[in-house]
């Protein structure tokens, strides 16, 4: 069994890491969205687009089946 030992981890330095995050890092972490409502609406829109795409694929398949009558 292998073992990994971490020497460079300092408990007192972890708080400094959180304070040292710049605005650019913050934007990249949270994808630039500061408004929770906008994120929820965007999530709902993506779900609606997915449902519409699934319905469209289903209907195209049904249409293709209607031409394949035997």
PDB file of N, CA and C in Angstrom:
ATOM      1  N   UNK A   1       0.850  -1.174   0.000  1.00  0.00           N
ATOM      2  CA  UNK A   1       0.000   0.000   0.000  1.00  0.00           C
ATOM      3  C   UNK A   1       0.895   1.235   0.000  1.00  0.00           C
ATOM      4  N   UNK A   2       0.585   2.178  -0.888  1.00  0.00           N
ATOM      5  CA  UNK A   2       1.405   3.388  -0.972  1.00  0.00           C
ATOM      6  C   UNK A   2       0.898   4.450  -0.005  1.00  0.00           C
ATOM      7  N   UNK A   3       1.790   5.366   0.352  1.00  0.00           N
ATOM      8  CA  UNK A   3       1.444   6.428   1.280  1.00  0.00           C
ATOM      9  C   UNK A   3       1.890   7.759   0.684  1.00  0.00           C
ATOM     10  N   UNK A   4       1.019   8.762   0.802  1.00  0.00           N
ATOM     11  CA  UNK A   4       1.344  10.112   0.343  1.00  0.00           C
ATOM     12  C   UNK A   4       1.450  10.997   1.568  1.00  0.00           C
ATOM     13  N   UNK A   5       2.581  11.661   1.720  1.00  0.00           N
ATOM     14  CA  UNK A   5       2.803  12.557   2.851  1.00  0.00           C
ATOM     15  C   UNK A   5       2.886  13.980   2.332  1.00  0.00           C
ATOM     16  N   UNK A   6       2.123  14.874   2.933  1.00  0.00           N
ATOM     17  CA  UNK A   6       2.108  16.272   2.523  1.00  0.00           C
ATOM     18  C   UNK A   6       2.842  17.078   3.582  1.00  0.00           C
ATOM     19  N   UNK A   7       3.930  17.737   3.163  1.00  0.00           N
ATOM     20  CA  UNK A   7       4.737  18.526   4.089  1.00  0.00           C
ATOM     21  C   UNK A   7       4.410  20.014   4.032  1.00  0.00           C
ATOM     22  N   UNK A   8       3.887  20.478   2.903  1.00  0.00           N
ATOM     23  CA  UNK A   8       3.700  21.915   2.720  1.00  0.00           C
ATOM     24  C   UNK A   8       2.337  22.422   3.186  1.00  0.00           C
ATOM     25  N   UNK A   9       1.601  21.660   3.920  1.00  0.00           N
ATOM     26  CA  UNK A   9       0.286  22.072   4.384  1.00  0.00           C
ATOM     27  C   UNK A   9       0.408  22.691   5.769  1.00  0.00           C
ATOM     28  N   UNK A  10       0.092  23.963   5.863  1.00  0.00           N
ATOM     29  CA  UNK A  10       0.141  24.669   7.134  1.00  0.00           C
ATOM     30  C   UNK A  10      -1.270  25.112   7.507  1.00  0.00           C
ATOM     31  N   UNK A  11      -1.711  24.763   8.690  1.00  0.00           N
ATOM     32  CA  UNK A  11      -3.065  25.075   9.118  1.00  0.00           C
ATOM     33  C   UNK A  11      -3.271  26.581   9.222  1.00  0.00           C
ATOM     34  N   UNK A  12      -2.301  27.314   9.723  1.00  0.00           N
ATOM     35  CA  UNK A  12      -2.457  28.750   9.889  1.00  0.00           C
ATOM     36  C   UNK A  12      -2.422  29.500   8.558  1.00  0.00           C
ATOM     37  N   UNK A  13      -1.958  28.882   7.472  1.00  0.00           N
ATOM     38  CA  UNK A  13      -1.874  29.543   6.175  1.00  0.00           C
ATOM     39  C   UNK A  13      -3.173  29.429   5.387  1.00  0.00           C
ATOM     40  N   UNK A  14      -4.067  28.524   5.760  1.00  0.00           N
ATOM     41  CA  UNK A  14      -5.296  28.329   4.991  1.00  0.00           C
ATOM     42  C   UNK A  14      -6.207  29.547   5.072  1.00  0.00           C
ATOM     43  N   UNK A  15      -6.214  30.249   6.182  1.00  0.00           N
ATOM     44  CA  UNK A  15      -7.039  31.449   6.292  1.00  0.00           C
ATOM     45  C   UNK A  15      -6.498  32.552   5.388  1.00  0.00           C
ATOM     46  N   UNK A  16      -5.215  32.653   5.275  1.00  0.00           N
ATOM     47  CA  UNK A  16      -4.605  33.633   4.390  1.00  0.00           C
ATOM     48  C   UNK A  16      -4.941  33.371   2.939  1.00  0.00           C
ATOM     49  N   UNK A  17      -5.099  32.114   2.578  1.00  0.00           N
ATOM     50  CA  UNK A  17      -5.470  31.769   1.213  1.00  0.00           C
ATOM     51  C   UNK A  17      -6.854  32.302   0.877  1.00  0.00           C
ATOM     52  N   UNK A  18      -7.777  32.200   1.803  1.00  0.00           N
ATOM     53  CA  UNK A  18      -9.117  32.703   1.558  1.00  0.00           C
ATOM     54  C   UNK A  18      -9.150  34.216   1.473  1.00  0.00           C
ATOM     55  N   UNK A  19      -8.325  34.891   2.216  1.00  0.00           N
ATOM     56  CA  UNK A  19      -8.281  36.348   2.187  1.00  0.00           C
ATOM     57  C   UNK A  19      -7.589  36.842   0.925  1.00  0.00           C
ATOM     58  N   UNK A  20      -6.630  36.093   0.408  1.00  0.00           N
ATOM     59  CA  UNK A  20      -5.840  36.518  -0.748  1.00  0.00           C
ATOM     60  C   UNK A  20      -6.538  36.307  -2.092  1.00  0.00           C
ATOM     61  N   UNK A  21      -7.777  35.838  -2.105  1.00  0.00           N
ATOM     62  CA  UNK A  21      -8.484  35.634  -3.376  1.00  0.00           C
ATOM     63  C   UNK A  21      -8.841  36.989  -3.959  1.00  0.00           C
ATOM     64  N   UNK A  22      -8.432  37.233  -5.187  1.00  0.00           N
ATOM     65  CA  UNK A  22      -8.717  38.510  -5.842  1.00  0.00           C
ATOM     66  C   UNK A  22     -10.122  38.482  -6.454  1.00  0.00           C
ATOM     67  N   UNK A  23     -10.545  39.623  -6.949  1.00  0.00           N
ATOM     68  CA  UNK A  23     -11.864  39.704  -7.579  1.00  0.00           C
ATOM     69  C   UNK A  23     -11.943  38.846  -8.834  1.00  0.00           C
ATOM     70  N   UNK A  24     -10.855  38.780  -9.577  1.00  0.00           N
ATOM     71  CA  UNK A  24     -10.847  37.957 -10.788  1.00  0.00           C
ATOM     72  C   UNK A  24     -10.994  36.482 -10.433  1.00  0.00           C
ATOM     73  N   UNK A  25     -10.319  36.044  -9.374  1.00  0.00           N
ATOM     74  CA  UNK A  25     -10.477  34.661  -8.918  1.00  0.00           C
ATOM     75  C   UNK A  25     -11.898  34.408  -8.432  1.00  0.00           C
ATOM     76  N   UNK A  26     -12.474  35.376  -7.743  1.00  0.00           N
ATOM     77  CA  UNK A  26     -13.840  35.244  -7.238  1.00  0.00           C
ATOM     78  C   UNK A  26     -14.819  35.096  -8.395  1.00  0.00           C
ATOM     79  N   UNK A  27     -14.638  35.896  -9.436  1.00  0.00           N
ATOM     80  CA  UNK A  27     -15.525  35.828 -10.593  1.00  0.00           C
ATOM     81  C   UNK A  27     -15.390  34.484 -11.291  1.00  0.00           C
ATOM     82  N   UNK A  28     -14.166  33.974 -11.406  1.00  0.00           N
ATOM     83  CA  UNK A  28     -13.987  32.693 -12.081  1.00  0.00           C
ATOM     84  C   UNK A  28     -14.536  31.536 -11.250  1.00  0.00           C
ATOM     85  N   UNK A  29     -14.514  31.662  -9.934  1.00  0.00           N
ATOM     86  CA  UNK A  29     -15.068  30.600  -9.085  1.00  0.00           C
ATOM     87  C   UNK A  29     -16.588  30.569  -9.184  1.00  0.00           C
ATOM     88  N   UNK A  30     -17.211  31.736  -9.100  1.00  0.00           N
ATOM     89  CA  UNK A  30     -18.668  31.822  -9.107  1.00  0.00           C
ATOM     90  C   UNK A  30     -19.236  32.161 -10.474  1.00  0.00           C
ATOM     91  N   UNK A  31     -18.450  32.053 -11.514  1.00  0.00           N
ATOM     92  CA  UNK A  31     -18.857  32.259 -12.905  1.00  0.00           C
ATOM     93  C   UNK A  31     -19.419  33.646 -13.138  1.00  0.00           C
ATOM     94  N   UNK A  32     -19.044  34.599 -12.324  1.00  0.00           N
ATOM     95  CA  UNK A  32     -19.418  35.983 -12.543  1.00  0.00           C
ATOM     96  C   UNK A  32     -20.829  36.343 -12.150  1.00  0.00           C
ATOM     97  N   UNK A  33     -21.600  35.434 -11.614  1.00  0.00           N
ATOM     98  CA  UNK A  33     -22.991  35.722 -11.253  1.00  0.00           C
ATOM     99  C   UNK A  33     -23.079  35.989  -9.758  1.00  0.00           C
ATOM    100  N   UNK A  34     -23.447  37.219  -9.420  1.00  0.00           N
ATOM    101  CA  UNK A  34     -23.596  37.571  -8.012  1.00  0.00           C
ATOM    102  C   UNK A  34     -25.039  37.441  -7.554  1.00  0.00           C
ATOM    103  N   UNK A  35     -25.969  37.337  -8.488  1.00  0.00           N
ATOM    104  CA  UNK A  35     -27.383  37.323  -8.158  1.00  0.00           C
ATOM    105  C   UNK A  35     -27.900  35.889  -8.146  1.00  0.00           C
ATOM    106  N   UNK A  36     -28.425  35.449  -7.019  1.00  0.00           N
ATOM    107  CA  UNK A  36     -28.934  34.079  -6.908  1.00  0.00           C
ATOM    108  C   UNK A  36     -30.164  33.859  -7.770  1.00  0.00           C
ATOM    109  N   UNK A  37     -31.021  34.884  -7.886  1.00  0.00           N
ATOM    110  CA  UNK A  37     -32.227  34.748  -8.701  1.00  0.00           C
ATOM    111  C   UNK A  37     -31.858  34.518 -10.165  1.00  0.00           C
ATOM    112  N   UNK A  38     -30.845  35.218 -10.639  1.00  0.00           N
ATOM    113  CA  UNK A  38     -30.419  35.034 -12.030  1.00  0.00           C
ATOM    114  C   UNK A  38     -29.910  33.616 -12.261  1.00  0.00           C
ATOM    115  N   UNK A  39     -29.222  33.058 -11.281  1.00  0.00           N
ATOM    116  CA  UNK A  39     -28.731  31.683 -11.417  1.00  0.00           C
ATOM    117  C   UNK A  39     -29.899  30.701 -11.447  1.00  0.00           C
ATOM    118  N   UNK A  40     -30.902  30.923 -10.613  1.00  0.00           N
ATOM    119  CA  UNK A  40     -32.073  30.038 -10.585  1.00  0.00           C
ATOM    120  C   UNK A  40     -32.837  30.121 -11.896  1.00  0.00           C
ATOM    121  N   UNK A  41     -33.026  31.342 -12.399  1.00  0.00           N
ATOM    122  CA  UNK A  41     -33.730  31.507 -13.668  1.00  0.00           C
ATOM    123  C   UNK A  41     -32.949  30.887 -14.823  1.00  0.00           C
ATOM    124  N   UNK A  42     -31.637  31.025 -14.798  1.00  0.00           N
ATOM    125  CA  UNK A  42     -30.815  30.414 -15.837  1.00  0.00           C
ATOM    126  C   UNK A  42     -30.916  28.894 -15.781  1.00  0.00           C
ATOM    127  N   UNK A  43     -30.935  28.338 -14.582  1.00  0.00           N
ATOM    128  CA  UNK A  43     -31.098  26.888 -14.415  1.00  0.00           C
ATOM    129  C   UNK A  43     -32.460  26.437 -14.949  1.00  0.00           C
ATOM    130  N   UNK A  44     -33.504  27.192 -14.632  1.00  0.00           N
ATOM    131  CA  UNK A  44     -34.837  26.864 -15.129  1.00  0.00           C
ATOM    132  C   UNK A  44     -34.913  26.944 -16.640  1.00  0.00           C
ATOM    133  N   UNK A  45     -34.257  27.943 -17.230  1.00  0.00           N
ATOM    134  CA  UNK A  45     -34.246  28.084 -18.682  1.00  0.00           C
ATOM    135  C   UNK A  45     -33.533  26.906 -19.332  1.00  0.00           C
ATOM    136  N   UNK A  46     -32.419  26.472 -18.762  1.00  0.00           N
ATOM    137  CA  UNK A  46     -31.688  25.322 -19.314  1.00  0.00           C
ATOM    138  C   UNK A  46     -32.541  24.055 -19.230  1.00  0.00           C
ATOM    139  N   UNK A  47     -33.291  23.888 -18.136  1.00  0.00           N
ATOM    140  CA  UNK A  47     -34.181  22.725 -18.018  1.00  0.00           C
ATOM    141  C   UNK A  47     -35.288  22.777 -19.053  1.00  0.00           C
ATOM    142  N   UNK A  48     -35.844  23.964 -19.282  1.00  0.00           N
ATOM    143  CA  UNK A  48     -36.887  24.118 -20.284  1.00  0.00           C
ATOM    144  C   UNK A  48     -36.341  23.819 -21.678  1.00  0.00           C
ATOM    145  N   UNK A  49     -35.147  24.292 -21.979  1.00  0.00           N
ATOM    146  CA  UNK A  49     -34.535  24.007 -23.271  1.00  0.00           C
ATOM    147  C   UNK A  49     -34.293  22.514 -23.448  1.00  0.00           C
ATOM    148  N   UNK A  50     -33.862  21.843 -22.384  1.00  0.00           N
ATOM    149  CA  UNK A  50     -33.638  20.399 -22.458  1.00  0.00           C
ATOM    150  C   UNK A  50     -34.953  19.664 -22.713  1.00  0.00           C
ATOM    151  N   UNK A  51     -36.022  20.053 -22.009  1.00  0.00           N
ATOM    152  CA  UNK A  51     -37.317  19.400 -22.195  1.00  0.00           C
ATOM    153  C   UNK A  51     -37.830  19.621 -23.612  1.00  0.00           C
ATOM    154  N   UNK A  52     -37.669  20.824 -24.135  1.00  0.00           N
ATOM    155  CA  UNK A  52     -38.109  21.116 -25.494  1.00  0.00           C
ATOM    156  C   UNK A  52     -37.316  20.298 -26.516  1.00  0.00           C
ATOM    157  N   UNK A  53     -36.020  20.163 -26.289  1.00  0.00           N
ATOM    158  CA  UNK A  53     -35.184  19.366 -27.186  1.00  0.00           C
ATOM    159  C   UNK A  53     -35.596  17.892 -27.143  1.00  0.00           C
ATOM    160  N   UNK A  54     -35.844  17.368 -25.952  1.00  0.00           N
ATOM    161  CA  UNK A  54     -36.262  15.968 -25.824  1.00  0.00           C
ATOM    162  C   UNK A  54     -37.607  15.743 -26.506  1.00  0.00           C
ATOM    163  N   UNK A  55     -38.546  16.681 -26.334  1.00  0.00           N
ATOM    164  CA  UNK A  55     -39.851  16.569 -26.985  1.00  0.00           C
ATOM    165  C   UNK A  55     -39.700  16.618 -28.505  1.00  0.00           C
ATOM    166  N   UNK A  56     -38.834  17.498 -28.997  1.00  0.00           N
ATOM    167  CA  UNK A  56     -38.612  17.614 -30.439  1.00  0.00           C
ATOM    168  C   UNK A  56     -38.032  16.321 -31.014  1.00  0.00           C
ATOM    169  N   UNK A  57     -37.057  15.748 -30.327  1.00  0.00           N
ATOM    170  CA  UNK A  57     -36.462  14.487 -30.790  1.00  0.00           C
ATOM    171  C   UNK A  57     -37.510  13.380 -30.809  1.00  0.00           C
ATOM    172  N   UNK A  58     -38.340  13.327 -29.794  1.00  0.00           N
ATOM    173  CA  UNK A  58     -39.397  12.313 -29.735  1.00  0.00           C
ATOM    174  C   UNK A  58     -40.375  12.484 -30.903  1.00  0.00           C
ATOM    175  N   UNK A  59     -40.783  13.706 -31.176  1.00  0.00           N
ATOM    176  CA  UNK A  59     -41.746  13.949 -32.253  1.00  0.00           C
ATOM    177  C   UNK A  59     -41.146  13.674 -33.631  1.00  0.00           C
ATOM    178  N   UNK A  60     -39.884  13.971 -33.835  1.00  0.00           N
ATOM    179  CA  UNK A  60     -39.233  13.664 -35.107  1.00  0.00           C
ATOM    180  C   UNK A  60     -39.146  12.150 -35.285  1.00  0.00           C
ATOM    181  N   UNK A  61     -38.864  11.438 -34.213  1.00  0.00           N
ATOM    182  CA  UNK A  61     -38.828   9.967 -34.295  1.00  0.00           C
ATOM    183  C   UNK A  61     -40.215   9.412 -34.621  1.00  0.00           C
ATOM    184  N   UNK A  62     -41.263   9.982 -34.028  1.00  0.00           N
ATOM    185  CA  UNK A  62     -42.629   9.537 -34.338  1.00  0.00           C
ATOM    186  C   UNK A  62     -43.005   9.837 -35.783  1.00  0.00           C
ATOM    187  N   UNK A  63     -42.580  10.985 -36.276  1.00  0.00           N
ATOM    188  CA  UNK A  63     -42.831  11.339 -37.660  1.00  0.00           C
ATOM    189  C   UNK A  63     -42.122  10.384 -38.603  1.00  0.00           C
ATOM    190  N   UNK A  64     -40.893  10.032 -38.276  1.00  0.00           N
ATOM    191  CA  UNK A  64     -40.138   9.082 -39.110  1.00  0.00           C
ATOM    192  C   UNK A  64     -40.803   7.705 -39.097  1.00  0.00           C
ATOM    193  N   UNK A  65     -41.351   7.318 -37.948  1.00  0.00           N
ATOM    194  CA  UNK A  65     -42.043   6.017 -37.870  1.00  0.00           C
ATOM    195  C   UNK A  65     -43.301   6.005 -38.724  1.00  0.00           C
ATOM    196  N   UNK A  66     -43.959   7.148 -38.850  1.00  0.00           N
ATOM    197  CA  UNK A  66     -45.198   7.196 -39.628  1.00  0.00           C
ATOM    198  C   UNK A  66     -44.936   6.977 -41.117  1.00  0.00           C
ATOM    199  N   UNK A  67     -43.747   7.316 -41.614  1.00  0.00           N
ATOM    200  CA  UNK A  67     -43.419   7.059 -43.003  1.00  0.00           C
ATOM    201  C   UNK A  67     -42.984   5.619 -43.245  1.00  0.00           C
ATOM    202  N   UNK A  68     -42.702   4.891 -42.184  1.00  0.00           N
ATOM    203  CA  UNK A  68     -42.225   3.516 -42.295  1.00  0.00           C
ATOM    204  C   UNK A  68     -43.356   2.545 -42.009  1.00  0.00           C
ATOM    205  N   UNK A  69     -44.484   2.705 -42.691  1.00  0.00           N
ATOM    206  CA  UNK A  69     -45.604   1.790 -42.498  1.00  0.00           C
ATOM    207  C   UNK A  69     -45.428   0.571 -43.389  1.00  0.00           C
ATOM    208  N   UNK A  70     -45.818  -0.577 -42.879  1.00  0.00           N
ATOM    209  CA  UNK A  70     -45.651  -1.812 -43.645  1.00  0.00           C
ATOM    210  C   UNK A  70     -46.960  -2.483 -43.898  1.00  0.00           C
TER     211      UNK A  70
END
